[in-house]
Protein backbone atom coordinates (compact mmCIF):
# COMPACT_ATOMS: atom_id res chain seq x y z
CA MET A 1 -32.68 8.29 -22.96
CA MET A 2 -30.51 5.64 -21.63
CA ASP A 3 -28.99 8.04 -19.30
CA ALA A 4 -31.44 7.39 -16.83
CA VAL A 5 -30.88 8.11 -12.87
CA GLU A 6 -29.25 5.05 -11.54
CA PRO A 7 -31.07 2.80 -8.83
CA ASP A 8 -29.16 3.38 -5.37
CA ARG A 9 -28.43 0.05 -4.59
CA ARG A 10 -26.46 -0.25 -1.29
CA VAL A 11 -24.01 -3.11 -1.06
CA SER A 12 -23.75 -4.77 2.49
CA PRO A 13 -20.63 -3.60 4.33
CA LEU A 14 -19.83 -7.51 4.76
CA LYS A 15 -19.60 -7.90 1.17
CA ASN A 16 -17.52 -4.37 0.72
CA PHE A 17 -15.20 -5.81 2.90
CA VAL A 18 -14.83 -9.38 1.67
CA ALA A 19 -14.52 -7.98 -1.99
CA GLY A 20 -11.56 -5.53 -1.10
CA GLY A 21 -10.01 -8.35 0.60
CA VAL A 22 -10.08 -10.89 -2.40
CA GLY A 23 -8.89 -7.95 -4.27
CA GLY A 24 -5.95 -7.54 -1.85
CA VAL A 25 -4.89 -11.08 -2.50
CA CYS A 26 -5.00 -10.91 -5.90
CA LEU A 27 -2.94 -7.84 -5.67
CA LEU A 28 -0.40 -9.69 -3.95
CA PHE A 29 0.23 -12.43 -6.25
CA ALA A 30 0.35 -9.81 -8.96
CA GLY A 31 2.88 -7.24 -7.26
CA HIS A 32 4.64 -8.93 -4.64
CA PRO A 33 7.73 -10.05 -6.90
CA LEU A 34 8.27 -6.37 -7.80
CA ASP A 35 7.47 -5.40 -3.97
CA THR A 36 10.75 -7.39 -2.72
CA ILE A 37 12.88 -5.65 -5.59
CA LYS A 38 11.48 -2.36 -4.56
CA VAL A 39 12.29 -3.18 -1.10
CA ARG A 40 15.87 -4.62 -1.20
CA LEU A 41 16.49 -1.48 -3.82
CA GLN A 42 15.19 1.00 -1.43
CA THR A 43 17.47 -0.67 1.96
CA GLN A 44 20.62 -1.67 0.02
CA GLU A 45 22.71 1.47 1.61
CA CYS A 46 23.09 2.04 4.97
CA VAL A 47 21.32 5.14 5.57
CA VAL A 48 19.33 6.86 8.72
CA TYR A 49 17.00 9.44 8.68
CA ARG A 50 15.48 11.77 11.57
CA GLY A 51 12.12 11.67 10.19
CA THR A 52 10.07 12.26 7.20
CA TYR A 53 11.32 15.86 6.39
CA ASP A 54 14.83 14.65 6.96
CA CYS A 55 14.83 12.06 4.22
CA LEU A 56 12.98 14.33 1.89
CA ARG A 57 15.66 16.86 2.62
CA LYS A 58 18.77 14.72 2.21
CA THR A 59 17.23 12.93 -1.00
CA VAL A 60 16.64 16.33 -2.81
CA SER A 61 19.59 17.86 -1.99
CA LYS A 62 21.68 14.58 -3.13
CA GLU A 63 23.74 14.49 0.34
CA ILE A 64 23.17 10.56 -0.43
CA GLN A 65 25.59 9.53 -3.20
CA SER A 66 26.54 6.08 -3.97
CA SER A 67 28.24 5.05 -7.29
CA ALA A 68 27.15 1.94 -9.31
CA SER A 69 30.55 0.05 -8.26
CA GLN A 70 29.46 0.54 -4.39
CA LEU A 71 25.56 -0.61 -5.18
CA LYS A 72 24.66 -4.28 -4.47
CA TYR A 73 21.97 -3.97 -7.52
CA THR A 74 22.40 -1.67 -10.25
CA GLY A 75 18.31 -1.83 -11.14
CA PRO A 76 15.46 -3.96 -10.77
CA VAL A 77 16.48 -6.32 -13.69
CA ASP A 78 19.80 -7.03 -12.13
CA CYS A 79 17.86 -7.45 -8.52
CA ALA A 80 15.55 -10.19 -10.04
CA LEU A 81 17.90 -11.95 -11.90
CA ARG A 82 20.41 -12.03 -9.21
CA LEU A 83 17.73 -13.18 -6.36
CA TYR A 84 16.26 -16.01 -8.75
CA LYS A 85 19.85 -17.14 -9.26
CA GLY A 86 20.75 -16.90 -5.76
CA GLN A 87 17.62 -18.87 -3.82
CA GLY A 88 15.06 -19.76 -6.83
CA ILE A 89 11.47 -18.23 -7.78
CA CYS A 90 10.74 -18.33 -3.98
CA SER A 91 12.83 -15.50 -3.14
CA VAL A 92 10.76 -12.82 -4.70
CA TYR A 93 7.76 -14.09 -2.95
CA LYS A 94 9.58 -13.59 0.60
CA GLY A 95 7.34 -12.53 3.05
CA THR A 96 4.29 -13.44 1.06
CA VAL A 97 1.94 -14.44 4.76
CA LEU A 98 3.09 -10.53 5.87
CA THR A 99 1.85 -9.24 2.65
CA LEU A 100 -1.18 -11.50 2.94
CA ILE A 101 -1.53 -10.15 6.54
CA ARG A 102 -0.98 -6.49 5.09
CA ASP A 103 -3.52 -6.59 2.24
CA VAL A 104 -6.54 -8.72 3.22
CA PRO A 105 -7.63 -6.45 6.31
CA SER A 106 -6.29 -3.03 4.92
CA ASN A 107 -8.05 -3.93 1.59
CA GLY A 108 -11.38 -4.73 2.96
CA VAL A 109 -11.38 -1.74 5.17
CA TYR A 110 -10.54 0.60 2.47
CA PHE A 111 -13.58 -0.60 0.37
CA LEU A 112 -15.76 -0.69 3.57
CA THR A 113 -14.92 2.76 4.39
CA TYR A 114 -15.08 4.23 1.07
CA GLU A 115 -18.51 3.05 0.48
CA TYR A 116 -19.83 4.02 3.96
CA LEU A 117 -18.54 7.55 3.58
CA LYS A 118 -19.99 7.76 -0.03
CA GLN A 119 -23.28 6.90 1.47
CA PHE A 120 -23.02 9.10 4.75
CA LEU A 121 -21.58 12.19 2.46
CA THR A 122 -24.40 11.86 0.01
CA PRO A 123 -27.23 14.34 0.57
CA GLU A 124 -30.76 13.26 1.55
CA GLY A 125 -32.87 12.55 -2.01
CA GLU A 126 -29.87 12.16 -3.80
CA CYS A 127 -28.01 9.47 -5.88
CA VAL A 128 -24.66 8.20 -4.45
CA HIS A 129 -23.75 7.98 -8.14
CA HIS A 130 -24.05 11.73 -8.36
CA LEU A 131 -21.71 12.66 -5.43
CA SER A 132 -19.85 15.78 -5.90
CA THR A 133 -15.94 15.28 -7.02
CA SER A 134 -14.92 17.14 -3.74
CA ARG A 135 -16.45 14.39 -1.61
CA VAL A 136 -15.30 11.62 -3.66
CA LEU A 137 -11.86 12.88 -2.90
CA LEU A 138 -12.68 13.13 0.63
CA ALA A 139 -14.40 9.63 1.18
CA GLY A 140 -11.40 8.14 -0.87
CA GLY A 141 -8.51 10.28 1.05
CA ILE A 142 -9.56 9.30 4.34
CA ALA A 143 -10.34 5.59 3.13
CA GLY A 144 -6.59 5.43 2.24
CA MET A 145 -5.70 6.62 5.51
CA LEU A 146 -7.73 4.46 7.45
CA ASN A 147 -6.35 1.42 5.32
CA TRP A 148 -2.80 2.19 5.85
CA LEU A 149 -2.97 3.01 9.45
CA ILE A 150 -4.00 -0.79 9.48
CA ALA A 151 -1.50 -1.94 7.08
CA LEU A 152 1.59 -0.06 8.41
CA PRO A 153 2.51 -2.80 11.04
CA ALA A 154 2.60 -5.46 8.86
CA ASP A 155 4.20 -3.63 6.46
CA VAL A 156 7.31 -2.72 8.72
CA LEU A 157 7.49 -6.28 9.40
CA LYS A 158 7.63 -7.21 5.84
CA SER A 159 10.16 -5.34 4.87
CA ASN A 160 12.53 -6.21 7.74
CA TYR A 161 11.88 -9.80 6.93
CA GLN A 162 12.27 -9.27 3.01
CA THR A 163 15.61 -7.53 3.51
CA ALA A 164 17.18 -9.52 6.44
CA THR A 165 20.34 -11.72 5.84
CA ASP A 166 19.35 -15.39 5.35
CA GLY A 167 19.24 -17.18 9.21
CA ARG A 168 18.55 -13.76 10.95
CA TYR A 169 14.73 -14.83 11.78
CA ARG A 170 13.40 -18.30 12.42
CA GLY A 171 10.16 -17.21 11.55
CA LEU A 172 7.43 -14.43 11.08
CA ARG A 173 6.84 -14.49 15.08
CA ASP A 174 10.60 -13.83 15.39
CA VAL A 175 10.47 -10.80 13.43
CA LEU A 176 8.03 -9.67 15.29
CA LYS A 177 9.78 -10.36 18.79
CA THR A 178 13.09 -9.03 17.35
CA LEU A 179 11.64 -5.73 16.08
CA LEU A 180 9.73 -4.92 19.58
CA ARG A 181 13.10 -5.99 21.81
CA GLU A 182 15.45 -3.88 19.64
CA GLU A 183 13.20 -0.92 19.13
CA GLY A 184 9.94 -1.00 21.08
CA ALA A 185 6.57 -0.80 19.74
CA HIS A 186 6.33 2.02 18.24
CA ALA A 187 8.50 0.66 15.62
CA LEU A 188 5.64 -0.81 13.90
CA TYR A 189 4.82 2.65 12.66
CA LYS A 190 7.79 4.04 11.39
CA GLY A 191 7.28 6.05 8.35
CA LEU A 192 3.87 6.89 9.68
CA SER A 193 3.80 10.34 8.75
CA ALA A 194 5.27 10.25 5.36
CA VAL A 195 2.65 7.10 4.98
CA MET A 196 -0.18 9.54 5.53
CA LEU A 197 0.87 12.32 3.82
CA ARG A 198 0.97 10.15 0.81
CA ALA A 199 -2.16 7.87 1.43
CA PHE A 200 -4.70 10.97 1.36
CA PRO A 201 -3.87 12.53 -1.75
CA ALA A 202 -2.88 9.37 -3.58
CA ASN A 203 -6.43 7.76 -2.71
CA ALA A 204 -8.39 10.62 -3.44
CA VAL A 205 -6.95 10.87 -7.02
CA ARG A 206 -6.99 7.21 -7.41
CA LYS A 207 -10.92 7.08 -6.67
CA HIS A 208 -11.72 10.31 -8.56
CA THR A 209 -9.87 8.74 -11.45
CA HIS A 210 -11.55 5.62 -11.16
CA ARG A 211 -15.00 7.17 -11.21
CA LEU A 212 -14.22 9.30 -13.86
CA ILE A 213 -12.87 6.74 -16.17
CA LYS A 214 -16.12 4.53 -15.61
CA THR A 215 -18.01 7.46 -16.56
CA VAL A 216 -16.14 8.29 -19.54
CA THR A 217 -16.40 4.49 -20.93
CA LYS A 218 -19.94 3.99 -19.87
CA SER A 219 -20.59 6.92 -22.19
CA ALA A 220 -18.42 6.04 -24.80
CA ILE A 221 -19.29 2.45 -25.48
C-alpha cells in the first residue's frame, strides 16, 4: 500500500522562518491594495470605542448609523476608483514598507512557532504527520497569537499612515513619533484583546483546514 508512514523529515527552524517571511512578502503584493481599501472603509467614520466589548456592543446594537450620503465611500469598488483617480495606482499601495515590516517577521515567527510546537506536541516514537486534531488546533492557535503579538505595532502604524490626510506625516518615522507623542507607547497595541480573541481560533482552524485539505487531496489524486 502507498499509504505508508511518511518519514518524519524535520525542517530547520531557519528554513521555516525564511519560508514564512517570503510568504509574507507574497501576501503583501497580492493583498495590500484590498487592505488599504478595508482600512479606509473601516475608519471613514469618527467613532470612539472604550474597548473590544464596547465596540462589539455598539456594532451589534446598531447604535452607529450613517446614511449612504454621509459616507465618503459607498463600497470597496467606489473606494478603489476614488483612490486611483485621486492619487494613481500608488495610492492603493500606501504603507507598503510598514506592511513588509509587519508581515515578514510575523509570518516567519508564525511558521517557525507552528512547526516547533508540532514537533514538541508529538508523543515520543510517533510521526508528526499523525498529530491529533486537538494538538494541531493548539499549535496553530498559539502560533497565530504570537504572529499578531509581533505584527500589531506595525499594523497600528500602517493603519494610521494609510488613513492620514495628505501631508500629515513626513515619513514612516514621523508616524511613530507622532503616535508616541500624542497617545503613548500603549497605542502601538491598540485592539490587542480583539486581535488575540480572533487570532487563536482563526489560526487554529486555518491550520487544521490546511492539513485536512492536504490529506483529502492526497488520497483523491
